[in-house]
Amino acid sequence: KLDLVTGDGYYYSFKGIPYALPPNGTWRFKAPQPPLSW
Protein backbone atom coordinates (compact mmCIF):
# COMPACT_ATOMS: atom_id res chain seq x y z
CA LYS A 1 0.00 0.00 0.00
CA LEU A 2 1.67 3.20 -1.22
CA ASP A 3 0.94 6.91 -0.80
CA LEU A 4 -0.02 8.90 -3.87
CA VAL A 5 2.60 11.44 -4.91
CA THR A 6 -0.21 14.01 -4.76
CA GLY A 7 -0.50 13.40 -1.01
CA ASP A 8 -4.27 12.98 -1.11
CA GLY A 9 -4.66 9.23 -0.87
CA TYR A 10 -3.03 5.86 -1.46
CA TYR A 11 -3.13 2.91 -3.82
CA TYR A 12 -2.30 -0.79 -3.90
CA SER A 13 0.70 -1.86 -5.93
CA PHE A 14 1.44 -5.33 -7.34
CA LYS A 15 4.54 -5.51 -9.51
CA GLY A 16 6.36 -8.21 -11.43
CA ILE A 17 3.44 -10.58 -12.03
CA PRO A 18 4.31 -13.24 -14.64
CA TYR A 19 1.66 -13.51 -17.35
CA ALA A 20 3.45 -16.07 -19.56
CA LEU A 21 6.27 -18.60 -19.47
CA PRO A 22 9.80 -17.28 -20.05
CA PRO A 23 10.12 -17.10 -23.88
CA ASN A 24 13.68 -18.39 -24.03
CA GLY A 25 15.35 -21.49 -25.41
CA THR A 26 13.06 -23.26 -27.86
CA TRP A 27 10.31 -20.72 -27.10
CA ARG A 28 12.41 -17.82 -28.43
CA PHE A 29 10.57 -15.96 -31.27
CA LYS A 30 7.41 -18.03 -30.69
CA ALA A 31 4.00 -17.16 -29.29
CA PRO A 32 3.86 -16.85 -25.48
CA GLN A 33 2.69 -19.78 -23.40
CA PRO A 34 0.46 -19.61 -20.28
CA PRO A 35 2.25 -18.97 -16.98
CA LEU A 36 2.82 -21.60 -14.30
CA SER A 37 1.22 -21.50 -10.87
CA TRP A 38 3.25 -21.17 -7.69
PDB file of all heavy atoms in Angstrom:
ATOM      1  N   LYS A   1       0.861  -1.181   0.000  1.00  0.00           N
ATOM      2  CA  LYS A   1       0.000   0.000   0.000  1.00  0.00           C
ATOM      3  C   LYS A   1       0.896   1.229   0.000  1.00  0.00           C
ATOM      4  O   LYS A   1       1.739   1.396   0.898  1.00  0.00           O
ATOM      5  CB  LYS A   1      -0.890  -0.015   1.248  1.00  0.00           C
ATOM      6  CG  LYS A   1      -1.928   1.095   1.319  1.00  0.00           C
ATOM      7  CD  LYS A   1      -2.761   0.903   2.578  1.00  0.00           C
ATOM      8  CE  LYS A   1      -3.802   1.999   2.739  1.00  0.00           C
ATOM      9  NZ  LYS A   1      -4.606   1.798   3.983  1.00  0.00           N
ATOM     10  N   LEU A   2       0.763   2.073  -1.039  1.00  0.00           N
ATOM     11  CA  LEU A   2       1.673   3.203  -1.223  1.00  0.00           C
ATOM     12  C   LEU A   2       0.902   4.520  -1.236  1.00  0.00           C
ATOM     13  O   LEU A   2      -0.247   4.576  -1.695  1.00  0.00           O
ATOM     14  CB  LEU A   2       2.441   3.051  -2.537  1.00  0.00           C
ATOM     15  CG  LEU A   2       3.302   1.791  -2.678  1.00  0.00           C
ATOM     16  CD1 LEU A   2       3.874   1.709  -4.084  1.00  0.00           C
ATOM     17  CD2 LEU A   2       4.407   1.760  -1.626  1.00  0.00           C
ATOM     18  N   ASP A   3       1.541   5.574  -0.768  1.00  0.00           N
ATOM     19  CA  ASP A   3       0.940   6.907  -0.802  1.00  0.00           C
ATOM     20  C   ASP A   3       1.011   7.477  -2.209  1.00  0.00           C
ATOM     21  O   ASP A   3       2.012   7.304  -2.917  1.00  0.00           O
ATOM     22  CB  ASP A   3       1.667   7.851   0.159  1.00  0.00           C
ATOM     23  CG  ASP A   3       1.445   7.488   1.620  1.00  0.00           C
ATOM     24  OD1 ASP A   3       0.367   6.955   1.943  1.00  0.00           O
ATOM     25  OD2 ASP A   3       2.366   7.721   2.435  1.00  0.00           O
ATOM     26  N   LEU A   4      -0.035   8.171  -2.603  1.00  0.00           N
ATOM     27  CA  LEU A   4      -0.017   8.904  -3.868  1.00  0.00           C
ATOM     28  C   LEU A   4       0.982  10.043  -3.789  1.00  0.00           C
ATOM     29  O   LEU A   4       1.119  10.690  -2.739  1.00  0.00           O
ATOM     30  CB  LEU A   4      -1.400   9.466  -4.185  1.00  0.00           C
ATOM     31  CG  LEU A   4      -2.496   8.467  -4.552  1.00  0.00           C
ATOM     32  CD1 LEU A   4      -3.857   9.161  -4.553  1.00  0.00           C
ATOM     33  CD2 LEU A   4      -2.227   7.851  -5.917  1.00  0.00           C
ATOM     34  N   VAL A   5       1.651  10.329  -4.884  1.00  0.00           N
ATOM     35  CA  VAL A   5       2.604  11.436  -4.913  1.00  0.00           C
ATOM     36  C   VAL A   5       1.893  12.769  -4.695  1.00  0.00           C
ATOM     37  O   VAL A   5       2.494  13.746  -4.259  1.00  0.00           O
ATOM     38  CB  VAL A   5       3.377  11.432  -6.256  1.00  0.00           C
ATOM     39  CG1 VAL A   5       2.476  11.841  -7.413  1.00  0.00           C
ATOM     40  CG2 VAL A   5       4.597  12.349  -6.190  1.00  0.00           C
ATOM     41  N   THR A   6       0.591  12.794  -4.958  1.00  0.00           N
ATOM     42  CA  THR A   6      -0.206  14.009  -4.757  1.00  0.00           C
ATOM     43  C   THR A   6      -0.520  14.245  -3.283  1.00  0.00           C
ATOM     44  O   THR A   6      -1.009  15.319  -2.922  1.00  0.00           O
ATOM     45  CB  THR A   6      -1.512  13.913  -5.548  1.00  0.00           C
ATOM     46  OG1 THR A   6      -2.126  12.638  -5.275  1.00  0.00           O
ATOM     47  CG2 THR A   6      -1.267  14.027  -7.034  1.00  0.00           C
ATOM     48  N   GLY A   7      -0.293  13.233  -2.439  1.00  0.00           N
ATOM     49  CA  GLY A   7      -0.499  13.397  -1.008  1.00  0.00           C
ATOM     50  C   GLY A   7      -1.943  13.338  -0.564  1.00  0.00           C
ATOM     51  O   GLY A   7      -2.249  13.613   0.605  1.00  0.00           O
ATOM     52  N   ASP A   8      -2.851  12.967  -1.457  1.00  0.00           N
ATOM     53  CA  ASP A   8      -4.275  12.979  -1.108  1.00  0.00           C
ATOM     54  C   ASP A   8      -4.908  11.592  -1.138  1.00  0.00           C
ATOM     55  O   ASP A   8      -6.106  11.444  -1.373  1.00  0.00           O
ATOM     56  CB  ASP A   8      -5.048  13.925  -2.035  1.00  0.00           C
ATOM     57  CG  ASP A   8      -4.850  13.603  -3.513  1.00  0.00           C
ATOM     58  OD1 ASP A   8      -4.058  12.697  -3.835  1.00  0.00           O
ATOM     59  OD2 ASP A   8      -5.500  14.273  -4.354  1.00  0.00           O
ATOM     60  N   GLY A   9      -4.103  10.575  -0.891  1.00  0.00           N
ATOM     61  CA  GLY A   9      -4.660   9.226  -0.874  1.00  0.00           C
ATOM     62  C   GLY A   9      -3.568   8.182  -1.010  1.00  0.00           C
ATOM     63  O   GLY A   9      -2.371   8.463  -0.846  1.00  0.00           O
ATOM     64  N   TYR A  10      -3.964   6.970  -1.335  1.00  0.00           N
ATOM     65  CA  TYR A  10      -3.032   5.860  -1.464  1.00  0.00           C
ATOM     66  C   TYR A  10      -3.542   4.916  -2.545  1.00  0.00           C
ATOM     67  O   TYR A  10      -4.649   5.065  -3.068  1.00  0.00           O
ATOM     68  CB  TYR A  10      -2.889   5.120  -0.124  1.00  0.00           C
ATOM     69  CG  TYR A  10      -4.206   4.613   0.416  1.00  0.00           C
ATOM     70  CD1 TYR A  10      -4.727   3.380   0.002  1.00  0.00           C
ATOM     71  CD2 TYR A  10      -4.936   5.359   1.338  1.00  0.00           C
ATOM     72  CE1 TYR A  10      -5.941   2.917   0.479  1.00  0.00           C
ATOM     73  CE2 TYR A  10      -6.158   4.900   1.820  1.00  0.00           C
ATOM     74  CZ  TYR A  10      -6.663   3.681   1.385  1.00  0.00           C
ATOM     75  OH  TYR A  10      -7.862   3.233   1.845  1.00  0.00           O
ATOM     76  N   TYR A  11      -2.717   3.933  -2.873  1.00  0.00           N
ATOM     77  CA  TYR A  11      -3.135   2.912  -3.824  1.00  0.00           C
ATOM     78  C   TYR A  11      -2.414   1.615  -3.491  1.00  0.00           C
ATOM     79  O   TYR A  11      -1.456   1.583  -2.709  1.00  0.00           O
ATOM     80  CB  TYR A  11      -2.836   3.342  -5.268  1.00  0.00           C
ATOM     81  CG  TYR A  11      -1.364   3.523  -5.594  1.00  0.00           C
ATOM     82  CD1 TYR A  11      -0.621   2.499  -6.187  1.00  0.00           C
ATOM     83  CD2 TYR A  11      -0.715   4.724  -5.320  1.00  0.00           C
ATOM     84  CE1 TYR A  11       0.731   2.661  -6.487  1.00  0.00           C
ATOM     85  CE2 TYR A  11       0.634   4.898  -5.610  1.00  0.00           C
ATOM     86  CZ  TYR A  11       1.349   3.871  -6.193  1.00  0.00           C
ATOM     87  OH  TYR A  11       2.675   4.034  -6.481  1.00  0.00           O
ATOM     88  N   TYR A  12      -2.882   0.532  -4.099  1.00  0.00           N
ATOM     89  CA  TYR A  12      -2.304  -0.787  -3.899  1.00  0.00           C
ATOM     90  C   TYR A  12      -1.467  -1.151  -5.123  1.00  0.00           C
ATOM     91  O   TYR A  12      -1.933  -1.027  -6.256  1.00  0.00           O
ATOM     92  CB  TYR A  12      -3.395  -1.824  -3.651  1.00  0.00           C
ATOM     93  CG  TYR A  12      -4.204  -1.522  -2.409  1.00  0.00           C
ATOM     94  CD1 TYR A  12      -5.408  -0.825  -2.484  1.00  0.00           C
ATOM     95  CD2 TYR A  12      -3.742  -1.919  -1.156  1.00  0.00           C
ATOM     96  CE1 TYR A  12      -6.130  -0.534  -1.347  1.00  0.00           C
ATOM     97  CE2 TYR A  12      -4.463  -1.631   0.005  1.00  0.00           C
ATOM     98  CZ  TYR A  12      -5.660  -0.925  -0.105  1.00  0.00           C
ATOM     99  OH  TYR A  12      -6.374  -0.633   1.041  1.00  0.00           O
ATOM    100  N   SER A  13      -0.260  -1.596  -4.864  1.00  0.00           N
ATOM    101  CA  SER A  13       0.699  -1.855  -5.934  1.00  0.00           C
ATOM    102  C   SER A  13       1.097  -3.328  -5.944  1.00  0.00           C
ATOM    103  O   SER A  13       1.474  -3.885  -4.908  1.00  0.00           O
ATOM    104  CB  SER A  13       1.944  -0.983  -5.732  1.00  0.00           C
ATOM    105  OG  SER A  13       2.994  -1.387  -6.575  1.00  0.00           O
ATOM    106  N   PHE A  14       1.010  -3.940  -7.131  1.00  0.00           N
ATOM    107  CA  PHE A  14       1.437  -5.329  -7.335  1.00  0.00           C
ATOM    108  C   PHE A  14       2.302  -5.372  -8.591  1.00  0.00           C
ATOM    109  O   PHE A  14       1.802  -5.195  -9.701  1.00  0.00           O
ATOM    110  CB  PHE A  14       0.226  -6.251  -7.482  1.00  0.00           C
ATOM    111  CG  PHE A  14      -0.650  -6.307  -6.265  1.00  0.00           C
ATOM    112  CD1 PHE A  14      -1.625  -5.346  -6.052  1.00  0.00           C
ATOM    113  CD2 PHE A  14      -0.474  -7.312  -5.324  1.00  0.00           C
ATOM    114  CE1 PHE A  14      -2.436  -5.386  -4.923  1.00  0.00           C
ATOM    115  CE2 PHE A  14      -1.277  -7.361  -4.186  1.00  0.00           C
ATOM    116  CZ  PHE A  14      -2.260  -6.397  -3.985  1.00  0.00           C
ATOM    117  N   LYS A  15       3.582  -5.584  -8.409  1.00  0.00           N
ATOM    118  CA  LYS A  15       4.544  -5.512  -9.509  1.00  0.00           C
ATOM    119  C   LYS A  15       5.097  -6.895  -9.838  1.00  0.00           C
ATOM    120  O   LYS A  15       5.093  -7.803  -9.015  1.00  0.00           O
ATOM    121  CB  LYS A  15       5.704  -4.585  -9.139  1.00  0.00           C
ATOM    122  CG  LYS A  15       5.311  -3.144  -8.836  1.00  0.00           C
ATOM    123  CD  LYS A  15       6.493  -2.382  -8.272  1.00  0.00           C
ATOM    124  CE  LYS A  15       6.101  -0.957  -7.887  1.00  0.00           C
ATOM    125  NZ  LYS A  15       7.181  -0.273  -7.138  1.00  0.00           N
ATOM    126  N   GLY A  16       5.621  -7.016 -11.064  1.00  0.00           N
ATOM    127  CA  GLY A  16       6.364  -8.209 -11.432  1.00  0.00           C
ATOM    128  C   GLY A  16       5.539  -9.482 -11.456  1.00  0.00           C
ATOM    129  O   GLY A  16       6.022 -10.536 -11.050  1.00  0.00           O
ATOM    130  N   ILE A  17       4.303  -9.400 -11.953  1.00  0.00           N
ATOM    131  CA  ILE A  17       3.438 -10.580 -12.026  1.00  0.00           C
ATOM    132  C   ILE A  17       3.671 -11.283 -13.361  1.00  0.00           C
ATOM    133  O   ILE A  17       3.470 -10.680 -14.424  1.00  0.00           O
ATOM    134  CB  ILE A  17       1.958 -10.177 -11.906  1.00  0.00           C
ATOM    135  CG1 ILE A  17       1.725  -9.320 -10.660  1.00  0.00           C
ATOM    136  CG2 ILE A  17       1.068 -11.412 -11.901  1.00  0.00           C
ATOM    137  CD1 ILE A  17       0.347  -8.686 -10.591  1.00  0.00           C
ATOM    138  N   PRO A  18       4.084 -12.548 -13.365  1.00  0.00           N
ATOM    139  CA  PRO A  18       4.310 -13.239 -14.641  1.00  0.00           C
ATOM    140  C   PRO A  18       2.984 -13.560 -15.327  1.00  0.00           C
ATOM    141  O   PRO A  18       2.075 -14.104 -14.704  1.00  0.00           O
ATOM    142  CB  PRO A  18       5.042 -14.522 -14.216  1.00  0.00           C
ATOM    143  CG  PRO A  18       4.628 -14.749 -12.797  1.00  0.00           C
ATOM    144  CD  PRO A  18       4.405 -13.394 -12.191  1.00  0.00           C
ATOM    145  N   TYR A  19       2.875 -13.201 -16.606  1.00  0.00           N
ATOM    146  CA  TYR A  19       1.656 -13.509 -17.346  1.00  0.00           C
ATOM    147  C   TYR A  19       1.894 -14.556 -18.435  1.00  0.00           C
ATOM    148  O   TYR A  19       0.961 -14.954 -19.141  1.00  0.00           O
ATOM    149  CB  TYR A  19       1.056 -12.241 -17.959  1.00  0.00           C
ATOM    150  CG  TYR A  19       1.876 -11.575 -19.046  1.00  0.00           C
ATOM    151  CD1 TYR A  19       1.806 -12.008 -20.359  1.00  0.00           C
ATOM    152  CD2 TYR A  19       2.706 -10.491 -18.753  1.00  0.00           C
ATOM    153  CE1 TYR A  19       2.549 -11.398 -21.359  1.00  0.00           C
ATOM    154  CE2 TYR A  19       3.456  -9.874 -19.735  1.00  0.00           C
ATOM    155  CZ  TYR A  19       3.371 -10.331 -21.043  1.00  0.00           C
ATOM    156  OH  TYR A  19       4.113  -9.719 -22.038  1.00  0.00           O
ATOM    157  N   ALA A  20       3.127 -15.039 -18.563  1.00  0.00           N
ATOM    158  CA  ALA A  20       3.455 -16.066 -19.555  1.00  0.00           C
ATOM    159  C   ALA A  20       4.744 -16.758 -19.127  1.00  0.00           C
ATOM    160  O   ALA A  20       5.486 -16.246 -18.278  1.00  0.00           O
ATOM    161  CB  ALA A  20       3.621 -15.458 -20.947  1.00  0.00           C
ATOM    162  N   LEU A  21       5.006 -17.914 -19.717  1.00  0.00           N
ATOM    163  CA  LEU A  21       6.268 -18.600 -19.469  1.00  0.00           C
ATOM    164  C   LEU A  21       7.440 -17.783 -20.011  1.00  0.00           C
ATOM    165  O   LEU A  21       7.271 -17.014 -20.967  1.00  0.00           O
ATOM    166  CB  LEU A  21       6.273 -19.959 -20.158  1.00  0.00           C
ATOM    167  CG  LEU A  21       5.430 -21.081 -19.555  1.00  0.00           C
ATOM    168  CD1 LEU A  21       5.548 -22.325 -20.435  1.00  0.00           C
ATOM    169  CD2 LEU A  21       5.874 -21.386 -18.130  1.00  0.00           C
ATOM    170  N   PRO A  22       8.624 -17.943 -19.463  1.00  0.00           N
ATOM    171  CA  PRO A  22       9.801 -17.284 -20.047  1.00  0.00           C
ATOM    172  C   PRO A  22       9.971 -17.704 -21.509  1.00  0.00           C
ATOM    173  O   PRO A  22      10.051 -18.901 -21.804  1.00  0.00           O
ATOM    174  CB  PRO A  22      10.960 -17.791 -19.189  1.00  0.00           C
ATOM    175  CG  PRO A  22      10.334 -18.167 -17.884  1.00  0.00           C
ATOM    176  CD  PRO A  22       8.973 -18.687 -18.227  1.00  0.00           C
ATOM    177  N   PRO A  23      10.033 -16.756 -22.449  1.00  0.00           N
ATOM    178  CA  PRO A  23      10.117 -17.100 -23.876  1.00  0.00           C
ATOM    179  C   PRO A  23      11.561 -17.292 -24.340  1.00  0.00           C
ATOM    180  O   PRO A  23      12.014 -16.657 -25.305  1.00  0.00           O
ATOM    181  CB  PRO A  23       9.463 -15.901 -24.542  1.00  0.00           C
ATOM    182  CG  PRO A  23       9.828 -14.754 -23.645  1.00  0.00           C
ATOM    183  CD  PRO A  23       9.863 -15.307 -22.240  1.00  0.00           C
ATOM    184  N   ASN A  24      12.288 -18.151 -23.649  1.00  0.00           N
ATOM    185  CA  ASN A  24      13.680 -18.386 -24.025  1.00  0.00           C
ATOM    186  C   ASN A  24      13.856 -19.809 -24.531  1.00  0.00           C
ATOM    187  O   ASN A  24      12.900 -20.579 -24.607  1.00  0.00           O
ATOM    188  CB  ASN A  24      14.612 -18.096 -22.840  1.00  0.00           C
ATOM    189  CG  ASN A  24      14.136 -18.782 -21.566  1.00  0.00           C
ATOM    190  OD1 ASN A  24      13.378 -19.751 -21.614  1.00  0.00           O
ATOM    191  ND2 ASN A  24      14.572 -18.273 -20.418  1.00  0.00           N
ATOM    192  N   GLY A  25      15.091 -20.151 -24.892  1.00  0.00           N
ATOM    193  CA  GLY A  25      15.355 -21.487 -25.413  1.00  0.00           C
ATOM    194  C   GLY A  25      14.543 -21.762 -26.669  1.00  0.00           C
ATOM    195  O   GLY A  25      14.517 -20.955 -27.602  1.00  0.00           O
ATOM    196  N   THR A  26      13.848 -22.897 -26.676  1.00  0.00           N
ATOM    197  CA  THR A  26      13.059 -23.256 -27.863  1.00  0.00           C
ATOM    198  C   THR A  26      11.794 -22.422 -28.001  1.00  0.00           C
ATOM    199  O   THR A  26      11.109 -22.510 -29.027  1.00  0.00           O
ATOM    200  CB  THR A  26      12.680 -24.752 -27.822  1.00  0.00           C
ATOM    201  OG1 THR A  26      11.957 -25.023 -26.616  1.00  0.00           O
ATOM    202  CG2 THR A  26      13.923 -25.628 -27.895  1.00  0.00           C
ATOM    203  N   TRP A  27      11.466 -21.620 -26.987  1.00  0.00           N
ATOM    204  CA  TRP A  27      10.309 -20.716 -27.096  1.00  0.00           C
ATOM    205  C   TRP A  27      10.700 -19.352 -27.656  1.00  0.00           C
ATOM    206  O   TRP A  27       9.824 -18.505 -27.879  1.00  0.00           O
ATOM    207  CB  TRP A  27       9.635 -20.551 -25.730  1.00  0.00           C
ATOM    208  CG  TRP A  27       8.900 -21.770 -25.278  1.00  0.00           C
ATOM    209  CD1 TRP A  27       9.182 -22.568 -24.209  1.00  0.00           C
ATOM    210  CD2 TRP A  27       7.760 -22.364 -25.904  1.00  0.00           C
ATOM    211  NE1 TRP A  27       8.296 -23.607 -24.129  1.00  0.00           N
ATOM    212  CE2 TRP A  27       7.401 -23.509 -25.150  1.00  0.00           C
ATOM    213  CE3 TRP A  27       6.994 -22.033 -27.036  1.00  0.00           C
ATOM    214  CZ2 TRP A  27       6.325 -24.323 -25.489  1.00  0.00           C
ATOM    215  CZ3 TRP A  27       5.922 -22.847 -27.371  1.00  0.00           C
ATOM    216  CH2 TRP A  27       5.596 -23.979 -26.601  1.00  0.00           C
ATOM    217  N   ARG A  28      11.986 -19.112 -27.877  1.00  0.00           N
ATOM    218  CA  ARG A  28      12.414 -17.822 -28.435  1.00  0.00           C
ATOM    219  C   ARG A  28      11.755 -17.606 -29.804  1.00  0.00           C
ATOM    220  O   ARG A  28      11.715 -18.509 -30.627  1.00  0.00           O
ATOM    221  CB  ARG A  28      13.931 -17.786 -28.569  1.00  0.00           C
ATOM    222  CG  ARG A  28      14.464 -16.456 -29.102  1.00  0.00           C
ATOM    223  CD  ARG A  28      15.964 -16.501 -29.329  1.00  0.00           C
ATOM    224  NE  ARG A  28      16.728 -16.291 -28.111  1.00  0.00           N
ATOM    225  CZ  ARG A  28      18.054 -16.254 -28.062  1.00  0.00           C
ATOM    226  NH1 ARG A  28      18.773 -16.457 -29.167  1.00  0.00           N
ATOM    227  NH2 ARG A  28      18.677 -16.059 -26.910  1.00  0.00           N
ATOM    228  N   PHE A  29      11.249 -16.408 -30.035  1.00  0.00           N
ATOM    229  CA  PHE A  29      10.573 -15.959 -31.272  1.00  0.00           C
ATOM    230  C   PHE A  29       9.151 -16.508 -31.410  1.00  0.00           C
ATOM    231  O   PHE A  29       8.444 -16.148 -32.351  1.00  0.00           O
ATOM    232  CB  PHE A  29      11.354 -16.354 -32.540  1.00  0.00           C
ATOM    233  CG  PHE A  29      12.788 -15.941 -32.559  1.00  0.00           C
ATOM    234  CD1 PHE A  29      13.792 -16.879 -32.744  1.00  0.00           C
ATOM    235  CD2 PHE A  29      13.145 -14.611 -32.389  1.00  0.00           C
ATOM    236  CE1 PHE A  29      15.128 -16.500 -32.774  1.00  0.00           C
ATOM    237  CE2 PHE A  29      14.480 -14.220 -32.416  1.00  0.00           C
ATOM    238  CZ  PHE A  29      15.468 -15.169 -32.597  1.00  0.00           C
ATOM    239  N   LYS A  30       8.719 -17.386 -30.523  1.00  0.00           N
ATOM    240  CA  LYS A  30       7.415 -18.028 -30.685  1.00  0.00           C
ATOM    241  C   LYS A  30       6.358 -17.371 -29.810  1.00  0.00           C
ATOM    242  O   LYS A  30       6.658 -16.573 -28.927  1.00  0.00           O
ATOM    243  CB  LYS A  30       7.531 -19.516 -30.369  1.00  0.00           C
ATOM    244  CG  LYS A  30       8.448 -20.261 -31.335  1.00  0.00           C
ATOM    245  CD  LYS A  30       8.487 -21.749 -31.036  1.00  0.00           C
ATOM    246  CE  LYS A  30       9.409 -22.475 -32.006  1.00  0.00           C
ATOM    247  NZ  LYS A  30       9.450 -23.945 -31.735  1.00  0.00           N
ATOM    248  N   ALA A  31       5.105 -17.733 -30.056  1.00  0.00           N
ATOM    249  CA  ALA A  31       3.995 -17.164 -29.290  1.00  0.00           C
ATOM    250  C   ALA A  31       4.145 -17.503 -27.810  1.00  0.00           C
ATOM    251  O   ALA A  31       4.652 -18.569 -27.451  1.00  0.00           O
ATOM    252  CB  ALA A  31       2.664 -17.697 -29.821  1.00  0.00           C
ATOM    253  N   PRO A  32       3.726 -16.600 -26.926  1.00  0.00           N
ATOM    254  CA  PRO A  32       3.860 -16.849 -25.483  1.00  0.00           C
ATOM    255  C   PRO A  32       2.968 -17.999 -25.023  1.00  0.00           C
ATOM    256  O   PRO A  32       1.901 -18.240 -25.592  1.00  0.00           O
ATOM    257  CB  PRO A  32       3.407 -15.528 -24.861  1.00  0.00           C
ATOM    258  CG  PRO A  32       2.469 -14.936 -25.879  1.00  0.00           C
ATOM    259  CD  PRO A  32       3.049 -15.323 -27.212  1.00  0.00           C
ATOM    260  N   GLN A  33       3.429 -18.671 -23.985  1.00  0.00           N
ATOM    261  CA  GLN A  33       2.685 -19.785 -23.400  1.00  0.00           C
ATOM    262  C   GLN A  33       2.168 -19.392 -22.017  1.00  0.00           C
ATOM    263  O   GLN A  33       2.747 -18.550 -21.339  1.00  0.00           O
ATOM    264  CB  GLN A  33       3.592 -21.010 -23.293  1.00  0.00           C
ATOM    265  CG  GLN A  33       4.126 -21.498 -24.626  1.00  0.00           C
ATOM    266  CD  GLN A  33       3.020 -21.871 -25.597  1.00  0.00           C
ATOM    267  OE1 GLN A  33       2.184 -22.715 -25.287  1.00  0.00           O
ATOM    268  NE2 GLN A  33       3.014 -21.239 -26.765  1.00  0.00           N
ATOM    269  N   PRO A  34       1.063 -19.988 -21.577  1.00  0.00           N
ATOM    270  CA  PRO A  34       0.460 -19.614 -20.280  1.00  0.00           C
ATOM    271  C   PRO A  34       1.452 -19.763 -19.134  1.00  0.00           C
ATOM    272  O   PRO A  34       2.330 -20.643 -19.142  1.00  0.00           O
ATOM    273  CB  PRO A  34      -0.705 -20.596 -20.143  1.00  0.00           C
ATOM    274  CG  PRO A  34      -1.026 -21.000 -21.546  1.00  0.00           C
ATOM    275  CD  PRO A  34       0.283 -21.011 -22.281  1.00  0.00           C
ATOM    276  N   PRO A  35       1.314 -18.926 -18.105  1.00  0.00           N
ATOM    277  CA  PRO A  35       2.249 -18.973 -16.978  1.00  0.00           C
ATOM    278  C   PRO A  35       1.971 -20.162 -16.067  1.00  0.00           C
ATOM    279  O   PRO A  35       0.877 -20.732 -16.065  1.00  0.00           O
ATOM    280  CB  PRO A  35       1.958 -17.660 -16.242  1.00  0.00           C
ATOM    281  CG  PRO A  35       0.496 -17.416 -16.517  1.00  0.00           C
ATOM    282  CD  PRO A  35       0.279 -17.893 -17.936  1.00  0.00           C
ATOM    283  N   LEU A  36       2.973 -20.525 -15.278  1.00  0.00           N
ATOM    284  CA  LEU A  36       2.821 -21.600 -14.297  1.00  0.00           C
ATOM    285  C   LEU A  36       2.291 -21.035 -12.978  1.00  0.00           C
ATOM    286  O   LEU A  36       2.477 -19.859 -12.672  1.00  0.00           O
ATOM    287  CB  LEU A  36       4.168 -22.281 -14.054  1.00  0.00           C
ATOM    288  CG  LEU A  36       4.815 -22.993 -15.244  1.00  0.00           C
ATOM    289  CD1 LEU A  36       6.185 -23.522 -14.842  1.00  0.00           C
ATOM    290  CD2 LEU A  36       3.931 -24.105 -15.772  1.00  0.00           C
ATOM    291  N   SER A  37       1.649 -21.879 -12.218  1.00  0.00           N
ATOM    292  CA  SER A  37       1.216 -21.501 -10.875  1.00  0.00           C
ATOM    293  C   SER A  37       2.399 -21.601  -9.917  1.00  0.00           C
ATOM    294  O   SER A  37       3.454 -22.153 -10.244  1.00  0.00           O
ATOM    295  CB  SER A  37       0.082 -22.417 -10.421  1.00  0.00           C
ATOM    296  OG  SER A  37      -1.040 -22.285 -11.268  1.00  0.00           O
ATOM    297  N   TRP A  38       2.222 -21.063  -8.714  1.00  0.00           N
ATOM    298  CA  TRP A  38       3.255 -21.174  -7.692  1.00  0.00           C
ATOM    299  C   TRP A  38       2.597 -21.549  -6.363  1.00  0.00           C
ATOM    300  O   TRP A  38       1.381 -21.409  -6.187  1.00  0.00           O
ATOM    301  CB  TRP A  38       4.037 -19.864  -7.561  1.00  0.00           C
ATOM    302  CG  TRP A  38       3.175 -18.669  -7.254  1.00  0.00           C
ATOM    303  CD1 TRP A  38       2.668 -18.307  -6.031  1.00  0.00           C
ATOM    304  CD2 TRP A  38       2.686 -17.697  -8.189  1.00  0.00           C
ATOM    305  NE1 TRP A  38       1.911 -17.163  -6.145  1.00  0.00           N
ATOM    306  CE2 TRP A  38       1.905 -16.771  -7.463  1.00  0.00           C
ATOM    307  CE3 TRP A  38       2.842 -17.513  -9.560  1.00  0.00           C
ATOM    308  CZ2 TRP A  38       1.279 -15.675  -8.066  1.00  0.00           C
ATOM    309  CZ3 TRP A  38       2.223 -16.438 -10.158  1.00  0.00           C
ATOM    310  CH2 TRP A  38       1.455 -15.524  -9.425  1.00  0.00           C
TER     311      TRP A  38
END
